[in-house]
Amino acid sequence: MKNSIYSTALFIFFLIGCGAKEKDNRTEFFPKTKLPTNKIPDKEKIWVFILAGQSNMAGRGKVEPMDTIPDSRILTINKNGNLILAKEPLHLYEPEMTGLDCGLSFGKELLKHIPDSISILLIPTAVGASSISQWINDSICKNVTLFSNFSEKVEIGKKYGTIKGILWHQGENDALKKETIEIYDKQLGNLFILFRNQIGIKNLPIFIGELGSYSQTEENWNGINKKIRTYINTDTYAYLIKTVDLLDKGDRIHFNSSGQRIIGQRFANEFINRQR
């Protein structure tokens, strides 16, 4: 029995770290061109959001044509840090695995609720397989030095606009061990202090997505979700995004495309609700 559980854990770790092999053509609808902005809006008219975490924030969903239709008011950055119109996929750190994330859906939903004069800048920093301790300790994951990269991207965000919040989804890696589950709420607190100090806003809103409810190790993932809720009760400016009703893409690890779009909408609506 112990060997069976151990084998399952190793298999899940392999999927999280390396990504399950896609059955379809992952890049079939990836955009062929990256469009620069015709005119960069004034700094006070750009709201910046940082996307951080591991693979479910970096995106593993199937990109479809609807996900590549740009809006002149939703911006992101290319690998050189230059502003471009946002098309999925936004994350660039894992070219062999990256797919649809929740960013563009978040931006499109947010546009429905904010003044027409405001543009949105989405800054991707999520890296698949990253643990929360790697973020705290500025470790290297997938050739990305996590906190240093976050800090670099924060400076780009500050250059162009005002940072309004962080969208965070992570924890699948930490769900692999009882020891990391037990301290996950404390680790969230440690990391978010670092995030807010780096950005320079002590009351910066951070929106935290739950892990999905489809894991083969459901008890462990529920353990992480309980720790997220425990942490949110201690942080006035942290908010929960529920995912219990969303489905995986068939690998029992990553949200499907529909789920990613819904998560994006929920992040946006939670942000708007907290502005009222």
Protein backbone atom coordinates (compact mmCIF):
# COMPACT_ATOMS: atom_id res chain seq x y z
CA MET A 1 0.00 0.00 0.00
CA LYS A 2 2.80 2.41 0.97
CA ASN A 3 4.62 1.64 -2.29
CA SER A 4 1.42 2.36 -4.24
CA ILE A 5 0.95 5.74 -2.53
CA TYR A 6 4.62 6.58 -3.07
CA SER A 7 4.39 5.68 -6.77
CA THR A 8 1.28 7.82 -7.19
CA ALA A 9 3.02 10.78 -5.53
CA LEU A 10 6.04 10.42 -7.80
CA PHE A 11 3.80 10.26 -10.86
CA ILE A 12 1.93 13.41 -9.81
CA PHE A 13 5.22 15.19 -9.12
CA PHE A 14 6.40 14.26 -12.62
CA LEU A 15 3.22 15.68 -14.13
CA ILE A 16 3.45 18.90 -12.14
CA GLY A 17 7.13 19.37 -12.89
CA CYS A 18 7.23 18.27 -16.48
CA GLY A 19 3.67 18.58 -17.73
CA ALA A 20 1.52 15.75 -19.03
CA LYS A 21 2.00 14.95 -22.70
CA GLU A 22 -0.62 16.74 -24.76
CA LYS A 23 -2.91 14.68 -26.97
CA ASP A 24 -3.80 17.64 -29.17
CA ASN A 25 -1.72 20.20 -31.00
CA ARG A 26 -0.94 22.53 -28.14
CA THR A 27 0.20 25.44 -30.28
CA GLU A 28 -2.49 25.10 -32.98
CA PHE A 29 -4.10 28.45 -32.21
CA PHE A 30 -1.14 30.28 -30.71
CA PRO A 31 -0.96 33.81 -32.19
CA LYS A 32 1.48 34.17 -35.08
CA THR A 33 2.33 37.82 -34.37
CA LYS A 34 2.87 40.02 -31.33
CA LEU A 35 1.35 43.46 -31.74
CA PRO A 36 3.06 46.50 -30.20
CA THR A 37 0.88 49.19 -28.69
CA ASN A 38 0.20 52.11 -31.04
CA LYS A 39 0.38 54.54 -28.15
CA ILE A 40 1.33 53.83 -24.55
CA PRO A 41 -1.28 55.36 -22.22
CA ASP A 42 -0.26 57.87 -19.56
CA LYS A 43 1.12 56.23 -16.43
CA GLU A 44 -1.82 57.29 -14.24
CA LYS A 45 -4.19 55.55 -16.66
CA ILE A 46 -2.60 52.09 -16.49
CA TRP A 47 -3.59 49.59 -13.79
CA VAL A 48 -1.00 46.84 -13.34
CA PHE A 49 -1.67 43.29 -12.13
CA ILE A 50 1.03 40.69 -11.40
CA LEU A 51 0.25 37.04 -12.21
CA ALA A 52 2.25 34.74 -9.92
CA GLY A 53 2.38 31.12 -8.81
CA GLN A 54 2.95 27.81 -10.57
CA SER A 55 1.53 25.93 -13.55
CA ASN A 56 -2.19 26.67 -13.11
CA MET A 57 -1.36 30.38 -13.16
CA ALA A 58 1.24 29.99 -15.90
CA GLY A 59 -1.45 28.22 -17.93
CA ARG A 60 -1.88 24.71 -19.28
CA GLY A 61 -5.27 25.11 -20.97
CA LYS A 62 -5.89 24.83 -24.70
CA VAL A 63 -5.57 28.22 -26.40
CA GLU A 64 -8.45 28.80 -28.80
CA PRO A 65 -9.08 31.62 -31.32
CA MET A 66 -11.23 33.60 -28.85
CA ASP A 67 -8.20 33.78 -26.54
CA THR A 68 -6.03 35.55 -29.11
CA ILE A 69 -8.34 38.47 -29.94
CA PRO A 70 -6.58 41.54 -28.51
CA ASP A 71 -8.13 44.61 -26.95
CA SER A 72 -6.27 47.90 -27.23
CA ARG A 73 -6.79 48.46 -23.49
CA ILE A 74 -5.30 45.15 -22.31
CA LEU A 75 -1.52 45.05 -22.43
CA THR A 76 1.25 42.66 -21.44
CA ILE A 77 5.01 42.40 -21.98
CA ASN A 78 7.19 40.41 -24.34
CA LYS A 79 10.38 38.61 -23.32
CA ASN A 80 12.30 41.88 -23.64
CA GLY A 81 9.97 43.70 -21.27
CA ASN A 82 8.36 45.81 -23.99
CA LEU A 83 4.63 46.52 -23.96
CA ILE A 84 2.48 44.61 -26.45
CA LEU A 85 -1.23 43.90 -26.85
CA ALA A 86 -2.22 40.92 -24.72
CA LYS A 87 -2.96 37.63 -26.45
CA GLU A 88 -2.87 34.18 -24.90
CA PRO A 89 -0.62 32.59 -23.90
CA LEU A 90 0.82 35.35 -21.72
CA HIS A 91 3.53 33.36 -19.94
CA LEU A 92 6.80 32.78 -21.80
CA TYR A 93 8.98 30.90 -19.32
CA GLU A 94 8.11 27.33 -20.36
CA PRO A 95 7.65 27.36 -24.15
CA GLU A 96 7.21 23.59 -24.38
CA MET A 97 4.34 23.51 -21.88
CA THR A 98 2.69 26.90 -21.55
CA GLY A 99 -0.93 27.30 -22.59
CA LEU A 100 -4.04 29.24 -21.73
CA ASP A 101 -3.93 31.05 -18.40
CA CYS A 102 -6.54 33.27 -16.75
CA GLY A 103 -4.97 36.65 -17.55
CA LEU A 104 -6.77 37.79 -20.69
CA SER A 105 -10.11 36.60 -19.32
CA PHE A 106 -9.41 38.62 -16.18
CA GLY A 107 -8.61 41.71 -18.24
CA LYS A 108 -11.68 41.45 -20.46
CA GLU A 109 -13.99 41.03 -17.48
CA LEU A 110 -12.36 43.91 -15.65
CA LEU A 111 -12.88 46.27 -18.60
CA LYS A 112 -16.64 45.91 -18.12
CA HIS A 113 -16.45 47.56 -14.70
CA ILE A 114 -13.79 50.28 -14.90
CA PRO A 115 -13.63 53.71 -16.56
CA ASP A 116 -13.05 53.76 -20.33
CA SER A 117 -9.94 55.85 -19.75
CA ILE A 118 -8.16 53.02 -17.88
CA SER A 119 -5.96 50.38 -19.53
CA ILE A 120 -4.77 47.15 -17.91
CA LEU A 121 -1.21 45.81 -17.89
CA LEU A 122 -0.83 42.10 -17.11
CA ILE A 123 2.64 41.05 -15.92
CA PRO A 124 3.28 37.26 -16.06
CA THR A 125 5.70 35.78 -13.47
CA ALA A 126 4.31 32.28 -12.77
CA VAL A 127 6.51 29.20 -13.28
CA GLY A 128 5.28 25.62 -13.27
CA ALA A 129 6.45 23.24 -10.51
CA SER A 130 7.59 26.09 -8.27
CA SER A 131 7.13 25.60 -4.52
CA ILE A 132 6.35 28.44 -2.15
CA SER A 133 9.72 28.02 -0.43
CA GLN A 134 11.43 28.50 -3.79
CA TRP A 135 9.62 31.81 -4.16
CA ILE A 136 10.57 32.91 -0.64
CA ASN A 137 14.21 31.86 -1.04
CA ASP A 138 14.58 33.26 -4.57
CA SER A 139 15.47 29.83 -5.90
CA ILE A 140 15.81 28.84 -9.54
CA CYS A 141 12.94 26.89 -11.11
CA LYS A 142 12.83 26.13 -14.83
CA ASN A 143 15.81 28.47 -15.32
CA VAL A 144 13.91 31.34 -13.67
CA THR A 145 15.15 32.91 -10.43
CA LEU A 146 11.70 33.33 -9.00
CA PHE A 147 11.70 36.32 -6.67
CA SER A 148 14.36 38.19 -8.63
CA ASN A 149 12.27 37.77 -11.77
CA PHE A 150 9.18 38.93 -9.87
CA SER A 151 11.08 42.01 -8.65
CA GLU A 152 12.32 42.80 -12.15
CA LYS A 153 8.80 42.59 -13.54
CA VAL A 154 7.45 44.73 -10.69
CA GLU A 155 9.83 47.49 -11.76
CA ILE A 156 8.50 47.27 -15.31
CA GLY A 157 4.98 47.55 -13.93
CA LYS A 158 5.91 50.60 -11.85
CA LYS A 159 7.50 52.22 -14.88
CA TYR A 160 4.28 52.09 -16.89
CA GLY A 161 1.50 52.29 -14.32
CA THR A 162 0.16 51.70 -10.81
CA ILE A 163 0.24 48.18 -9.38
CA LYS A 164 -3.27 47.35 -8.22
CA GLY A 165 -3.00 43.73 -7.16
CA ILE A 166 -1.47 40.28 -7.41
CA LEU A 167 -3.28 37.22 -8.75
CA TRP A 168 -1.81 34.14 -7.04
CA HIS A 169 -2.38 30.45 -7.75
CA GLN A 170 0.06 27.93 -6.33
CA GLY A 171 0.19 25.00 -3.95
CA GLU A 172 0.04 21.80 -5.98
CA ASN A 173 3.75 21.28 -5.39
CA ASP A 174 3.45 21.95 -1.65
CA ALA A 175 0.55 19.47 -1.45
CA LEU A 176 2.99 16.62 -2.11
CA LYS A 177 4.26 16.54 1.48
CA LYS A 178 2.53 16.68 4.85
CA GLU A 179 5.28 18.91 6.19
CA THR A 180 4.77 21.61 3.53
CA ILE A 181 0.98 21.44 3.87
CA GLU A 182 1.22 22.10 7.60
CA ILE A 183 3.21 25.32 7.20
CA TYR A 184 1.58 26.59 4.02
CA ASP A 185 -0.42 29.39 5.68
CA LYS A 186 2.71 30.70 7.42
CA GLN A 187 4.63 30.51 4.17
CA LEU A 188 1.93 32.52 2.40
CA GLY A 189 2.32 35.19 5.06
CA ASN A 190 6.10 35.26 4.65
CA LEU A 191 5.94 35.50 0.88
CA PHE A 192 3.23 38.13 0.72
CA ILE A 193 5.22 40.36 3.09
CA LEU A 194 8.08 40.10 0.60
CA PHE A 195 5.76 40.85 -2.32
CA ARG A 196 4.22 43.91 -0.69
CA ASN A 197 7.56 45.24 0.51
CA GLN A 198 9.02 44.90 -2.97
CA ILE A 199 6.07 46.74 -4.50
CA GLY A 200 5.95 49.27 -1.68
CA ILE A 201 2.24 48.95 -0.87
CA LYS A 202 1.53 47.39 2.53
CA ASN A 203 -2.19 46.98 1.86
CA LEU A 204 -1.84 45.69 -1.71
CA PRO A 205 -4.73 43.30 -2.51
CA ILE A 206 -3.69 39.71 -3.20
CA PHE A 207 -6.24 37.36 -4.74
CA ILE A 208 -5.63 33.67 -4.05
CA GLY A 209 -7.12 30.90 -6.16
CA GLU A 210 -8.02 27.60 -4.52
CA LEU A 211 -6.57 24.36 -5.86
CA GLY A 212 -8.99 22.41 -8.01
CA SER A 213 -11.28 19.69 -6.64
CA TYR A 214 -10.26 16.96 -9.06
CA SER A 215 -6.91 15.74 -7.72
CA GLN A 216 -5.95 12.10 -7.27
CA THR A 217 -4.63 13.21 -3.88
CA GLU A 218 -7.80 15.06 -2.87
CA GLU A 219 -7.03 15.06 0.85
CA ASN A 220 -3.69 16.79 0.30
CA TRP A 221 -5.12 19.43 -2.02
CA ASN A 222 -7.95 20.06 0.43
CA GLY A 223 -5.28 20.50 3.08
CA ILE A 224 -3.69 23.32 1.06
CA ASN A 225 -7.10 24.94 0.52
CA LYS A 226 -7.79 24.85 4.26
CA LYS A 227 -4.46 26.56 4.88
CA ILE A 228 -5.31 29.22 2.28
CA ARG A 229 -8.57 29.95 4.09
CA THR A 230 -6.75 30.03 7.43
CA TYR A 231 -4.32 32.57 6.04
CA ILE A 232 -7.02 34.77 4.51
CA ASN A 233 -8.61 35.09 7.96
CA THR A 234 -5.38 36.76 9.14
CA ASP A 235 -4.87 39.14 6.19
CA THR A 236 -7.39 41.94 5.65
CA TYR A 237 -6.20 42.43 2.08
CA ALA A 238 -6.15 38.80 0.88
CA TYR A 239 -9.17 37.36 -0.93
CA LEU A 240 -10.26 33.85 -1.88
CA ILE A 241 -11.20 32.75 -5.39
CA LYS A 242 -13.24 29.53 -5.27
CA THR A 243 -12.72 26.76 -7.84
CA VAL A 244 -14.69 23.82 -6.46
CA ASP A 245 -17.01 23.66 -9.49
CA LEU A 246 -14.29 23.81 -12.17
CA LEU A 247 -12.95 20.88 -14.18
CA ASP A 248 -9.49 19.68 -15.13
CA LYS A 249 -8.16 19.18 -18.65
CA GLY A 250 -8.02 15.41 -18.17
CA ASP A 251 -4.75 15.17 -16.23
CA ARG A 252 -6.24 15.64 -12.72
CA ILE A 253 -3.84 18.58 -12.19
CA HIS A 254 -4.56 21.51 -14.50
CA PHE A 255 -7.75 23.49 -15.11
CA ASN A 256 -9.24 23.14 -18.56
CA SER A 257 -9.71 26.14 -20.85
CA SER A 258 -13.22 26.88 -19.65
CA GLY A 259 -12.03 26.76 -16.06
CA GLN A 260 -9.20 29.17 -16.78
CA ARG A 261 -11.57 31.71 -18.33
CA ILE A 262 -13.97 31.40 -15.40
CA ILE A 263 -11.14 31.84 -12.86
CA GLY A 264 -10.09 35.00 -14.68
CA GLN A 265 -13.62 36.37 -14.46
CA ARG A 266 -13.79 35.53 -10.75
CA PHE A 267 -10.49 37.27 -10.06
CA ALA A 268 -11.84 40.37 -11.83
CA ASN A 269 -15.20 40.37 -10.06
CA GLU A 270 -13.56 39.92 -6.67
CA PHE A 271 -11.27 42.88 -7.39
CA ILE A 272 -14.25 45.05 -8.38
CA ASN A 273 -16.24 43.99 -5.32
CA ARG A 274 -13.39 45.07 -3.07
CA GLN A 275 -13.23 48.50 -4.72
CA ARG A 276 -16.82 49.35 -3.83
